[in-house]
Each structure stands twice: as structure tokens, then as C-alpha cells.
Amino acid sequence: MPIRFNKKQAMLDGFVTVEDAEALSNWLRDGSGRAVHLGQCAQVHGAVLQVLMALKPRLAAAPADAHLAATLHGAGLAGA
């Protein structure tokens, strides 16, 4: 599974697909102070990127991929 959820953090791993966007959005909206860990994330679908850009969660770890990290930084998401 590309996303693992615990109480305060969602860990995105590998290739995160369009099917994961709604679950991530719902999880972020259902609680305050939640963070997203992108350290093991290789690629996200555009819908997931839109969720991150719209909801602007705290990033517990930035992605290793330089292009994705730059895109998120440009959208106002701060890396860990």
C-alpha cells in the first residue's frame, strides 16, 4: 500500500496513485496537526499533488526526488 496512516502522520511510499488521493484528503481533513512523510515517495499522481498543494500539511520528511521537492517548495509546503 502506497500510504500508511497512523494517528499523526501519513507515510507515502513508492508510487502514490490517483486512487490514494481521496483517502489522503479525507485523512488530512479529519484531524489537525497531521503531517505527511514523503521520504520514501518516488512519485505522486497529479491528484495527490493537488491534495498536498490545497491542504498544505506539514511535511515530516521531504521527498528525495528533487523535482517533486522543488514543486512542493514552490507551492509553499515546507520540508522537514
N, C-alpha and C. Protein backbone atom coordinates (compact mmCIF):
# COMPACT_ATOMS: atom_id res chain seq x y z
N MET A 1 0.84 -1.18 0.00
CA MET A 1 0.00 0.00 0.00
C MET A 1 0.89 1.25 0.00
N PRO A 2 0.64 2.17 -0.91
CA PRO A 2 1.50 3.35 -1.03
C PRO A 2 1.38 4.35 0.12
N ILE A 3 0.28 4.31 0.90
CA ILE A 3 0.14 5.22 2.03
C ILE A 3 -0.19 4.41 3.28
N ARG A 4 0.60 4.67 4.32
CA ARG A 4 0.30 4.09 5.64
C ARG A 4 -0.07 5.24 6.56
N PHE A 5 -1.18 5.09 7.25
CA PHE A 5 -1.67 6.13 8.13
C PHE A 5 -1.49 5.71 9.58
N ASN A 6 -1.02 6.64 10.42
CA ASN A 6 -1.11 6.44 11.86
C ASN A 6 -1.82 7.67 12.42
N LYS A 7 -1.79 7.90 13.71
CA LYS A 7 -2.57 8.99 14.29
C LYS A 7 -2.19 10.36 13.76
N LYS A 8 -0.91 10.64 13.61
CA LYS A 8 -0.46 11.99 13.27
C LYS A 8 0.34 12.10 11.98
N GLN A 9 0.58 10.99 11.31
CA GLN A 9 1.45 11.03 10.13
C GLN A 9 1.00 10.04 9.06
N ALA A 10 1.05 10.50 7.81
CA ALA A 10 0.81 9.62 6.67
C ALA A 10 2.16 9.42 5.99
N MET A 11 2.55 8.18 5.79
CA MET A 11 3.82 7.88 5.15
C MET A 11 3.55 7.41 3.73
N LEU A 12 4.00 8.21 2.76
CA LEU A 12 3.81 7.88 1.35
C LEU A 12 5.04 7.14 0.87
N ASP A 13 4.81 6.01 0.21
CA ASP A 13 5.90 5.12 -0.16
C ASP A 13 5.77 4.72 -1.62
N GLY A 14 6.86 4.84 -2.35
CA GLY A 14 6.88 4.39 -3.74
C GLY A 14 6.06 5.27 -4.65
N PHE A 15 5.21 4.65 -5.45
CA PHE A 15 4.37 5.35 -6.42
C PHE A 15 2.96 5.50 -5.85
N VAL A 16 2.55 6.74 -5.59
CA VAL A 16 1.25 7.01 -4.99
C VAL A 16 0.30 7.40 -6.13
N THR A 17 -0.79 6.65 -6.26
CA THR A 17 -1.67 6.75 -7.42
C THR A 17 -2.90 7.62 -7.16
N VAL A 18 -3.65 7.84 -8.21
CA VAL A 18 -4.87 8.63 -8.13
C VAL A 18 -5.85 8.02 -7.13
N GLU A 19 -5.86 6.72 -7.01
CA GLU A 19 -6.77 6.05 -6.09
C GLU A 19 -6.50 6.42 -4.63
N ASP A 20 -5.29 6.91 -4.34
CA ASP A 20 -4.91 7.25 -2.97
C ASP A 20 -5.25 8.69 -2.60
N ALA A 21 -5.59 9.52 -3.57
CA ALA A 21 -5.81 10.95 -3.33
C ALA A 21 -6.97 11.20 -2.38
N GLU A 22 -8.07 10.54 -2.58
CA GLU A 22 -9.24 10.79 -1.74
C GLU A 22 -8.99 10.36 -0.30
N ALA A 23 -8.36 9.21 -0.11
CA ALA A 23 -8.07 8.74 1.24
C ALA A 23 -7.14 9.72 1.97
N LEU A 24 -6.13 10.22 1.26
CA LEU A 24 -5.22 11.19 1.86
C LEU A 24 -5.96 12.48 2.21
N SER A 25 -6.76 12.96 1.30
CA SER A 25 -7.53 14.18 1.54
C SER A 25 -8.43 14.03 2.76
N ASN A 26 -9.17 12.94 2.83
CA ASN A 26 -10.07 12.71 3.96
C ASN A 26 -9.30 12.62 5.27
N TRP A 27 -8.18 11.92 5.27
CA TRP A 27 -7.38 11.76 6.48
C TRP A 27 -6.85 13.11 6.96
N LEU A 28 -6.36 13.93 6.03
CA LEU A 28 -5.84 15.24 6.41
C LEU A 28 -6.95 16.15 6.95
N ARG A 29 -8.12 16.07 6.37
CA ARG A 29 -9.24 16.92 6.81
C ARG A 29 -9.83 16.46 8.14
N ASP A 30 -9.68 15.20 8.47
CA ASP A 30 -10.30 14.65 9.68
C ASP A 30 -9.54 14.95 10.96
N GLY A 31 -8.35 15.52 10.88
CA GLY A 31 -7.59 15.79 12.10
C GLY A 31 -6.66 16.96 11.93
N SER A 32 -6.39 17.63 13.02
CA SER A 32 -5.48 18.77 12.96
C SER A 32 -4.07 18.33 13.34
N GLY A 33 -3.10 19.07 12.86
CA GLY A 33 -1.71 18.79 13.20
C GLY A 33 -1.13 17.56 12.53
N ARG A 34 -1.78 17.07 11.53
CA ARG A 34 -1.28 15.87 10.84
C ARG A 34 -0.19 16.24 9.83
N ALA A 35 0.74 15.33 9.65
CA ALA A 35 1.89 15.56 8.78
C ALA A 35 1.97 14.47 7.72
N VAL A 36 2.73 14.77 6.68
CA VAL A 36 2.95 13.82 5.59
C VAL A 36 4.45 13.57 5.47
N HIS A 37 4.82 12.30 5.45
CA HIS A 37 6.22 11.88 5.33
C HIS A 37 6.42 11.41 3.89
N LEU A 38 7.27 12.15 3.16
CA LEU A 38 7.49 11.83 1.75
C LEU A 38 8.88 11.26 1.48
N GLY A 39 9.61 10.92 2.53
CA GLY A 39 10.99 10.46 2.38
C GLY A 39 11.18 9.25 1.50
N GLN A 40 10.20 8.36 1.45
CA GLN A 40 10.29 7.14 0.64
C GLN A 40 9.43 7.21 -0.62
N CYS A 41 8.88 8.39 -0.88
CA CYS A 41 7.98 8.56 -2.02
C CYS A 41 8.79 8.78 -3.30
N ALA A 42 8.50 7.99 -4.31
CA ALA A 42 9.20 8.10 -5.59
C ALA A 42 8.44 8.98 -6.58
N GLN A 43 7.12 8.90 -6.53
CA GLN A 43 6.30 9.63 -7.50
C GLN A 43 4.87 9.73 -6.96
N VAL A 44 4.23 10.87 -7.21
CA VAL A 44 2.83 11.02 -6.84
C VAL A 44 2.02 11.39 -8.08
N HIS A 45 0.80 10.91 -8.13
CA HIS A 45 -0.12 11.28 -9.20
C HIS A 45 -0.49 12.75 -9.02
N GLY A 46 -0.87 13.41 -10.08
CA GLY A 46 -1.26 14.82 -10.03
C GLY A 46 -2.37 15.10 -9.03
N ALA A 47 -3.29 14.16 -8.86
CA ALA A 47 -4.38 14.35 -7.91
C ALA A 47 -3.85 14.40 -6.47
N VAL A 48 -2.86 13.59 -6.18
CA VAL A 48 -2.25 13.59 -4.84
C VAL A 48 -1.49 14.90 -4.64
N LEU A 49 -0.80 15.34 -5.67
CA LEU A 49 -0.09 16.62 -5.61
C LEU A 49 -1.08 17.76 -5.35
N GLN A 50 -2.23 17.71 -5.99
CA GLN A 50 -3.25 18.74 -5.77
C GLN A 50 -3.75 18.73 -4.33
N VAL A 51 -3.93 17.55 -3.75
CA VAL A 51 -4.34 17.46 -2.35
C VAL A 51 -3.29 18.12 -1.46
N LEU A 52 -2.02 17.81 -1.70
CA LEU A 52 -0.96 18.39 -0.89
C LEU A 52 -0.89 19.90 -1.05
N MET A 53 -1.05 20.38 -2.27
CA MET A 53 -0.97 21.81 -2.53
C MET A 53 -2.19 22.54 -1.94
N ALA A 54 -3.35 21.92 -1.96
CA ALA A 54 -4.56 22.57 -1.45
C ALA A 54 -4.62 22.58 0.07
N LEU A 55 -4.24 21.48 0.69
CA LEU A 55 -4.38 21.36 2.15
C LEU A 55 -3.13 21.77 2.91
N LYS A 56 -2.00 21.82 2.23
CA LYS A 56 -0.72 22.27 2.79
C LYS A 56 -0.39 21.66 4.16
N PRO A 57 -0.31 20.34 4.23
CA PRO A 57 0.05 19.73 5.51
C PRO A 57 1.54 19.98 5.81
N ARG A 58 1.90 19.83 7.06
CA ARG A 58 3.31 19.89 7.43
C ARG A 58 3.99 18.66 6.85
N LEU A 59 5.19 18.84 6.32
CA LEU A 59 5.95 17.72 5.78
C LEU A 59 6.92 17.22 6.84
N ALA A 60 6.75 15.98 7.26
CA ALA A 60 7.66 15.38 8.24
C ALA A 60 8.99 15.04 7.59
N ALA A 61 8.97 14.75 6.32
CA ALA A 61 10.19 14.48 5.55
C ALA A 61 9.92 14.84 4.10
N ALA A 62 10.86 15.54 3.51
CA ALA A 62 10.74 15.93 2.10
C ALA A 62 11.05 14.74 1.20
N PRO A 63 10.54 14.77 -0.02
CA PRO A 63 10.84 13.67 -0.94
C PRO A 63 12.29 13.73 -1.41
N ALA A 64 12.84 12.58 -1.70
CA ALA A 64 14.21 12.51 -2.22
C ALA A 64 14.29 13.04 -3.65
N ASP A 65 13.19 12.91 -4.39
CA ASP A 65 13.16 13.38 -5.78
C ASP A 65 13.23 14.90 -5.80
N ALA A 66 14.26 15.44 -6.44
CA ALA A 66 14.50 16.88 -6.45
C ALA A 66 13.37 17.66 -7.14
N HIS A 67 12.82 17.10 -8.22
CA HIS A 67 11.74 17.79 -8.93
C HIS A 67 10.49 17.89 -8.07
N LEU A 68 10.11 16.80 -7.42
CA LEU A 68 8.94 16.81 -6.56
C LEU A 68 9.16 17.75 -5.37
N ALA A 69 10.35 17.71 -4.79
CA ALA A 69 10.67 18.60 -3.67
C ALA A 69 10.57 20.06 -4.10
N ALA A 70 11.09 20.40 -5.28
CA ALA A 70 11.02 21.78 -5.76
C ALA A 70 9.57 22.20 -6.03
N THR A 71 8.77 21.31 -6.57
CA THR A 71 7.37 21.61 -6.83
C THR A 71 6.62 21.91 -5.54
N LEU A 72 6.84 21.09 -4.53
CA LEU A 72 6.18 21.29 -3.25
C LEU A 72 6.67 22.56 -2.58
N HIS A 73 7.96 22.83 -2.67
CA HIS A 73 8.51 24.04 -2.08
C HIS A 73 7.91 25.28 -2.77
N GLY A 74 7.79 25.22 -4.08
CA GLY A 74 7.19 26.32 -4.83
C GLY A 74 5.73 26.54 -4.50
N ALA A 75 5.06 25.49 -4.01
CA ALA A 75 3.66 25.58 -3.64
C ALA A 75 3.48 26.02 -2.18
N GLY A 76 4.59 26.30 -1.51
CA GLY A 76 4.51 26.78 -0.13
C GLY A 76 4.53 25.70 0.92
N LEU A 77 4.88 24.49 0.54
CA LEU A 77 5.00 23.40 1.51
C LEU A 77 6.44 23.32 1.97
N ALA A 78 6.63 23.41 3.26
CA ALA A 78 7.98 23.38 3.82
C ALA A 78 8.40 21.94 4.09
N GLY A 79 9.62 21.63 3.71
CA GLY A 79 10.17 20.31 4.01
C GLY A 79 10.64 20.21 5.44
N ALA A 80 10.95 19.01 5.83
CA ALA A 80 11.39 18.78 7.21
C ALA A 80 12.80 19.27 7.40
